[in-house]
Amino acid sequence: MAHFKIQDVHALENSPTSPGTLKNKLGEMIVSSMNCRAKVDALNPETGEYRVVLQGTLDKEDTRWDQS
């Protein structure tokens, strides 16, 4: 899996994006983290709408921190 770059954080908010692309980027972010957790912040069973909060710490050794 590719290393997650710090500049990729803002690209996560690009909309619209395919579920597959978002899954790949979030997967890269999680694998490049020293720790992470997820919290279901909201769930509407009538509409299927949900909101999940992902929180963690990126591993500086595994991640390219340069801004170039």
PDB file of N, CA and C in Angstrom:
ATOM      1  N   MET A   1       0.839  -1.174   0.000  1.00  0.00           N
ATOM      2  CA  MET A   1       0.000   0.000   0.000  1.00  0.00           C
ATOM      3  C   MET A   1       0.889   1.244   0.000  1.00  0.00           C
ATOM      4  N   ALA A   2       0.467   2.289  -0.710  1.00  0.00           N
ATOM      5  CA  ALA A   2       1.243   3.524  -0.804  1.00  0.00           C
ATOM      6  C   ALA A   2       1.282   4.242   0.534  1.00  0.00           C
ATOM      7  N   HIS A   3       2.359   5.016   0.726  1.00  0.00           N
ATOM      8  CA  HIS A   3       2.469   5.809   1.945  1.00  0.00           C
ATOM      9  C   HIS A   3       1.545   7.010   1.851  1.00  0.00           C
ATOM     10  N   PHE A   4       0.891   7.313   2.935  1.00  0.00           N
ATOM     11  CA  PHE A   4       0.006   8.462   3.015  1.00  0.00           C
ATOM     12  C   PHE A   4       0.836   9.713   3.220  1.00  0.00           C
ATOM     13  N   LYS A   5       0.591  10.734   2.432  1.00  0.00           N
ATOM     14  CA  LYS A   5       1.317  11.998   2.546  1.00  0.00           C
ATOM     15  C   LYS A   5       0.433  13.003   3.274  1.00  0.00           C
ATOM     16  N   ILE A   6       1.040  13.878   4.047  1.00  0.00           N
ATOM     17  CA  ILE A   6       0.292  14.850   4.833  1.00  0.00           C
ATOM     18  C   ILE A   6      -0.590  15.714   3.930  1.00  0.00           C
ATOM     19  N   GLN A   7      -0.140  16.010   2.698  1.00  0.00           N
ATOM     20  CA  GLN A   7      -0.965  16.809   1.813  1.00  0.00           C
ATOM     21  C   GLN A   7      -2.224  16.075   1.359  1.00  0.00           C
ATOM     22  N   ASP A   8      -2.280  14.753   1.533  1.00  0.00           N
ATOM     23  CA  ASP A   8      -3.464  13.971   1.170  1.00  0.00           C
ATOM     24  C   ASP A   8      -4.638  14.211   2.112  1.00  0.00           C
ATOM     25  N   VAL A   9      -4.386  14.794   3.280  1.00  0.00           N
ATOM     26  CA  VAL A   9      -5.466  15.025   4.249  1.00  0.00           C
ATOM     27  C   VAL A   9      -6.553  15.889   3.626  1.00  0.00           C
ATOM     28  N   HIS A  10      -6.171  16.963   2.963  1.00  0.00           N
ATOM     29  CA  HIS A  10      -7.166  17.858   2.376  1.00  0.00           C
ATOM     30  C   HIS A  10      -7.901  17.198   1.208  1.00  0.00           C
ATOM     31  N   ALA A  11      -7.244  16.297   0.498  1.00  0.00           N
ATOM     32  CA  ALA A  11      -7.872  15.611  -0.626  1.00  0.00           C
ATOM     33  C   ALA A  11      -9.001  14.686  -0.168  1.00  0.00           C
ATOM     34  N   LEU A  12      -8.999  14.295   1.105  1.00  0.00           N
ATOM     35  CA  LEU A  12     -10.068  13.442   1.618  1.00  0.00           C
ATOM     36  C   LEU A  12     -11.422  14.146   1.556  1.00  0.00           C
ATOM     37  N   GLU A  13     -11.424  15.472   1.589  1.00  0.00           N
ATOM     38  CA  GLU A  13     -12.671  16.222   1.587  1.00  0.00           C
ATOM     39  C   GLU A  13     -13.170  16.551   0.187  1.00  0.00           C
ATOM     40  N   ASN A  14     -12.412  16.202  -0.848  1.00  0.00           N
ATOM     41  CA  ASN A  14     -12.868  16.453  -2.212  1.00  0.00           C
ATOM     42  C   ASN A  14     -14.163  15.715  -2.467  1.00  0.00           C
ATOM     43  N   SER A  15     -15.099  16.415  -3.023  1.00  0.00           N
ATOM     44  CA  SER A  15     -16.406  15.828  -3.262  1.00  0.00           C
ATOM     45  C   SER A  15     -16.870  16.224  -4.651  1.00  0.00           C
ATOM     46  N   PRO A  16     -17.483  15.395  -5.401  1.00  0.00           N
ATOM     47  CA  PRO A  16     -17.758  13.994  -5.085  1.00  0.00           C
ATOM     48  C   PRO A  16     -16.536  13.118  -5.364  1.00  0.00           C
ATOM     49  N   THR A  17     -16.480  12.007  -4.693  1.00  0.00           N
ATOM     50  CA  THR A  17     -15.418  11.033  -4.926  1.00  0.00           C
ATOM     51  C   THR A  17     -16.054   9.650  -4.891  1.00  0.00           C
ATOM     52  N   SER A  18     -15.435   8.720  -5.551  1.00  0.00           N
ATOM     53  CA  SER A  18     -15.984   7.363  -5.560  1.00  0.00           C
ATOM     54  C   SER A  18     -15.703   6.694  -4.217  1.00  0.00           C
ATOM     55  N   PRO A  19     -16.587   5.804  -3.793  1.00  0.00           N
ATOM     56  CA  PRO A  19     -16.335   5.068  -2.552  1.00  0.00           C
ATOM     57  C   PRO A  19     -15.007   4.311  -2.587  1.00  0.00           C
ATOM     58  N   GLY A  20     -14.648   3.782  -3.734  1.00  0.00           N
ATOM     59  CA  GLY A  20     -13.393   3.039  -3.850  1.00  0.00           C
ATOM     60  C   GLY A  20     -12.173   3.920  -3.629  1.00  0.00           C
ATOM     61  N   THR A  21     -12.190   5.129  -4.192  1.00  0.00           N
ATOM     62  CA  THR A  21     -11.077   6.064  -4.015  1.00  0.00           C
ATOM     63  C   THR A  21     -10.965   6.480  -2.558  1.00  0.00           C
ATOM     64  N   LEU A  22     -12.094   6.799  -1.933  1.00  0.00           N
ATOM     65  CA  LEU A  22     -12.086   7.194  -0.528  1.00  0.00           C
ATOM     66  C   LEU A  22     -11.604   6.047   0.357  1.00  0.00           C
ATOM     67  N   LYS A  23     -12.042   4.832   0.059  1.00  0.00           N
ATOM     68  CA  LYS A  23     -11.602   3.657   0.822  1.00  0.00           C
ATOM     69  C   LYS A  23     -10.093   3.495   0.741  1.00  0.00           C
ATOM     70  N   ASN A  24      -9.535   3.654  -0.443  1.00  0.00           N
ATOM     71  CA  ASN A  24      -8.084   3.507  -0.614  1.00  0.00           C
ATOM     72  C   ASN A  24      -7.319   4.567   0.164  1.00  0.00           C
ATOM     73  N   LYS A  25      -7.752   5.835   0.070  1.00  0.00           N
ATOM     74  CA  LYS A  25      -7.055   6.912   0.773  1.00  0.00           C
ATOM     75  C   LYS A  25      -7.178   6.762   2.285  1.00  0.00           C
ATOM     76  N   LEU A  26      -8.365   6.421   2.781  1.00  0.00           N
ATOM     77  CA  LEU A  26      -8.534   6.211   4.228  1.00  0.00           C
ATOM     78  C   LEU A  26      -7.716   5.020   4.694  1.00  0.00           C
ATOM     79  N   GLY A  27      -7.662   3.969   3.885  1.00  0.00           N
ATOM     80  CA  GLY A  27      -6.844   2.803   4.223  1.00  0.00           C
ATOM     81  C   GLY A  27      -5.376   3.161   4.331  1.00  0.00           C
ATOM     82  N   GLU A  28      -4.881   3.982   3.371  1.00  0.00           N
ATOM     83  CA  GLU A  28      -3.495   4.432   3.420  1.00  0.00           C
ATOM     84  C   GLU A  28      -3.239   5.255   4.681  1.00  0.00           C
ATOM     85  N   MET A  29      -4.202   6.109   5.028  1.00  0.00           N
ATOM     86  CA  MET A  29      -4.058   6.947   6.220  1.00  0.00           C
ATOM     87  C   MET A  29      -4.007   6.086   7.486  1.00  0.00           C
ATOM     88  N   ILE A  30      -4.884   5.112   7.584  1.00  0.00           N
ATOM     89  CA  ILE A  30      -4.939   4.246   8.766  1.00  0.00           C
ATOM     90  C   ILE A  30      -3.655   3.422   8.903  1.00  0.00           C
ATOM     91  N   VAL A  31      -3.196   2.848   7.798  1.00  0.00           N
ATOM     92  CA  VAL A  31      -1.978   2.031   7.834  1.00  0.00           C
ATOM     93  C   VAL A  31      -0.760   2.887   8.175  1.00  0.00           C
ATOM     94  N   SER A  32      -0.783   4.164   7.805  1.00  0.00           N
ATOM     95  CA  SER A  32       0.333   5.069   8.086  1.00  0.00           C
ATOM     96  C   SER A  32       0.221   5.728   9.457  1.00  0.00           C
ATOM     97  N   SER A  33      -0.700   5.274  10.283  1.00  0.00           N
ATOM     98  CA  SER A  33      -0.917   5.869  11.604  1.00  0.00           C
ATOM     99  C   SER A  33      -0.314   5.009  12.700  1.00  0.00           C
ATOM    100  N   MET A  34       0.138   5.685  13.760  1.00  0.00           N
ATOM    101  CA  MET A  34       0.642   4.972  14.937  1.00  0.00           C
ATOM    102  C   MET A  34      -0.534   4.444  15.759  1.00  0.00           C
ATOM    103  N   ASN A  35      -1.649   5.177  15.750  1.00  0.00           N
ATOM    104  CA  ASN A  35      -2.865   4.736  16.421  1.00  0.00           C
ATOM    105  C   ASN A  35      -4.036   5.408  15.729  1.00  0.00           C
ATOM    106  N   CYS A  36      -5.199   4.811  15.849  1.00  0.00           N
ATOM    107  CA  CYS A  36      -6.394   5.407  15.268  1.00  0.00           C
ATOM    108  C   CYS A  36      -7.625   4.783  15.913  1.00  0.00           C
ATOM    109  N   ARG A  37      -8.736   5.527  15.800  1.00  0.00           N
ATOM    110  CA  ARG A  37     -10.003   5.011  16.288  1.00  0.00           C
ATOM    111  C   ARG A  37     -11.116   5.646  15.473  1.00  0.00           C
ATOM    112  N   ALA A  38     -12.255   5.024  15.483  1.00  0.00           N
ATOM    113  CA  ALA A  38     -13.414   5.537  14.766  1.00  0.00           C
ATOM    114  C   ALA A  38     -14.591   5.601  15.727  1.00  0.00           C
ATOM    115  N   LYS A  39     -15.418   6.632  15.537  1.00  0.00           N
ATOM    116  CA  LYS A  39     -16.615   6.799  16.352  1.00  0.00           C
ATOM    117  C   LYS A  39     -17.785   7.098  15.424  1.00  0.00           C
ATOM    118  N   VAL A  40     -18.872   6.364  15.586  1.00  0.00           N
ATOM    119  CA  VAL A  40     -20.083   6.662  14.845  1.00  0.00           C
ATOM    120  C   VAL A  40     -20.720   7.860  15.531  1.00  0.00           C
ATOM    121  N   ASP A  41     -20.705   8.997  14.840  1.00  0.00           N
ATOM    122  CA  ASP A  41     -21.193  10.247  15.406  1.00  0.00           C
ATOM    123  C   ASP A  41     -22.694  10.413  15.178  1.00  0.00           C
ATOM    124  N   ALA A  42     -23.202   9.881  14.075  1.00  0.00           N
ATOM    125  CA  ALA A  42     -24.632   9.973  13.782  1.00  0.00           C
ATOM    126  C   ALA A  42     -25.021   8.848  12.835  1.00  0.00           C
ATOM    127  N   LEU A  43     -26.253   8.381  12.979  1.00  0.00           N
ATOM    128  CA  LEU A  43     -26.786   7.338  12.113  1.00  0.00           C
ATOM    129  C   LEU A  43     -28.283   7.522  12.014  1.00  0.00           C
ATOM    130  N   ASN A  44     -28.794   7.649  10.794  1.00  0.00           N
ATOM    131  CA  ASN A  44     -30.221   7.786  10.565  1.00  0.00           C
ATOM    132  C   ASN A  44     -30.721   6.517   9.885  1.00  0.00           C
ATOM    133  N   PRO A  45     -31.396   5.636  10.616  1.00  0.00           N
ATOM    134  CA  PRO A  45     -31.858   4.377  10.033  1.00  0.00           C
ATOM    135  C   PRO A  45     -32.908   4.569   8.941  1.00  0.00           C
ATOM    136  N   GLU A  46     -33.603   5.688   8.962  1.00  0.00           N
ATOM    137  CA  GLU A  46     -34.641   5.929   7.948  1.00  0.00           C
ATOM    138  C   GLU A  46     -34.043   6.281   6.588  1.00  0.00           C
ATOM    139  N   THR A  47     -32.972   7.051   6.572  1.00  0.00           N
ATOM    140  CA  THR A  47     -32.378   7.490   5.306  1.00  0.00           C
ATOM    141  C   THR A  47     -31.090   6.753   4.960  1.00  0.00           C
ATOM    142  N   GLY A  48     -30.463   6.108   5.955  1.00  0.00           N
ATOM    143  CA  GLY A  48     -29.185   5.446   5.738  1.00  0.00           C
ATOM    144  C   GLY A  48     -28.006   6.399   5.849  1.00  0.00           C
ATOM    145  N   GLU A  49     -28.281   7.664   6.134  1.00  0.00           N
ATOM    146  CA  GLU A  49     -27.200   8.642   6.271  1.00  0.00           C
ATOM    147  C   GLU A  49     -26.430   8.377   7.562  1.00  0.00           C
ATOM    148  N   TYR A  50     -25.119   8.546   7.481  1.00  0.00           N
ATOM    149  CA  TYR A  50     -24.265   8.324   8.651  1.00  0.00           C
ATOM    150  C   TYR A  50     -23.142   9.343   8.677  1.00  0.00           C
ATOM    151  N   ARG A  51     -22.534   9.496   9.852  1.00  0.00           N
ATOM    152  CA  ARG A  51     -21.345  10.332  10.023  1.00  0.00           C
ATOM    153  C   ARG A  51     -20.411   9.583  10.953  1.00  0.00           C
ATOM    154  N   VAL A  52     -19.182   9.372  10.485  1.00  0.00           N
ATOM    155  CA  VAL A  52     -18.167   8.664  11.252  1.00  0.00           C
ATOM    156  C   VAL A  52     -16.980   9.601  11.442  1.00  0.00           C
ATOM    157  N   VAL A  53     -16.468   9.678  12.658  1.00  0.00           N
ATOM    158  CA  VAL A  53     -15.305  10.487  12.964  1.00  0.00           C
ATOM    159  C   VAL A  53     -14.108   9.548  13.111  1.00  0.00           C
ATOM    160  N   LEU A  54     -13.064   9.824  12.350  1.00  0.00           N
ATOM    161  CA  LEU A  54     -11.829   9.051  12.398  1.00  0.00           C
ATOM    162  C   LEU A  54     -10.775   9.917  13.061  1.00  0.00           C
ATOM    163  N   GLN A  55     -10.116   9.387  14.082  1.00  0.00           N
ATOM    164  CA  GLN A  55      -9.109  10.152  14.816  1.00  0.00           C
ATOM    165  C   GLN A  55      -7.871   9.293  14.989  1.00  0.00           C
ATOM    166  N   GLY A  56      -6.704   9.903  14.808  1.00  0.00           N
ATOM    167  CA  GLY A  56      -5.473   9.146  14.983  1.00  0.00           C
ATOM    168  C   GLY A  56      -4.256  10.039  14.919  1.00  0.00           C
ATOM    169  N   THR A  57      -3.085   9.396  14.935  1.00  0.00           N
ATOM    170  CA  THR A  57      -1.809  10.090  14.851  1.00  0.00           C
ATOM    171  C   THR A  57      -0.997   9.457  13.734  1.00  0.00           C
ATOM    172  N   LEU A  58      -0.640  10.278  12.736  1.00  0.00           N
ATOM    173  CA  LEU A  58       0.169   9.769  11.637  1.00  0.00           C
ATOM    174  C   LEU A  58       1.581   9.478  12.121  1.00  0.00           C
ATOM    175  N   ASP A  59       2.150   8.398  11.625  1.00  0.00           N
ATOM    176  CA  ASP A  59       3.518   8.003  11.947  1.00  0.00           C
ATOM    177  C   ASP A  59       4.469   8.829  11.102  1.00  0.00           C
ATOM    178  N   LYS A  60       5.263   9.680  11.723  1.00  0.00           N
ATOM    179  CA  LYS A  60       6.182  10.552  10.990  1.00  0.00           C
ATOM    180  C   LYS A  60       7.243   9.766  10.232  1.00  0.00           C
ATOM    181  N   GLU A  61       7.636   8.611  10.737  1.00  0.00           N
ATOM    182  CA  GLU A  61       8.665   7.819  10.069  1.00  0.00           C
ATOM    183  C   GLU A  61       8.114   7.141   8.827  1.00  0.00           C
ATOM    184  N   ASP A  62       6.853   6.737   8.848  1.00  0.00           N
ATOM    185  CA  ASP A  62       6.241   6.064   7.712  1.00  0.00           C
ATOM    186  C   ASP A  62       5.661   7.044   6.703  1.00  0.00           C
ATOM    187  N   THR A  63       5.435   8.263   7.102  1.00  0.00           N
ATOM    188  CA  THR A  63       4.703   9.231   6.303  1.00  0.00           C
ATOM    189  C   THR A  63       5.635  10.299   5.779  1.00  0.00           C
ATOM    190  N   ARG A  64       5.401  10.737   4.572  1.00  0.00           N
ATOM    191  CA  ARG A  64       6.180  11.818   3.987  1.00  0.00           C
ATOM    192  C   ARG A  64       5.589  13.129   4.475  1.00  0.00           C
ATOM    193  N   TRP A  65       6.312  13.801   5.359  1.00  0.00           N
ATOM    194  CA  TRP A  65       5.804  15.039   5.952  1.00  0.00           C
ATOM    195  C   TRP A  65       6.145  16.265   5.135  1.00  0.00           C
ATOM    196  N   ASP A  66       7.028  16.113   4.125  1.00  0.00           N
ATOM    197  CA  ASP A  66       7.383  17.315   3.378  1.00  0.00           C
ATOM    198  C   ASP A  66       6.161  17.851   2.636  1.00  0.00           C
ATOM    199  N   GLN A  67       6.101  19.144   2.498  1.00  0.00           N
ATOM    200  CA  GLN A  67       4.944  19.808   1.903  1.00  0.00           C
ATOM    201  C   GLN A  67       5.110  20.020   0.410  1.00  0.00           C
ATOM    202  N   SER A  68       6.179  19.527  -0.194  1.00  0.00           N
ATOM    203  CA  SER A  68       6.416  19.759  -1.620  1.00  0.00           C
ATOM    204  C   SER A  68       5.625  18.810  -2.477  1.00  0.00           C
TER     205      SER A  68
END
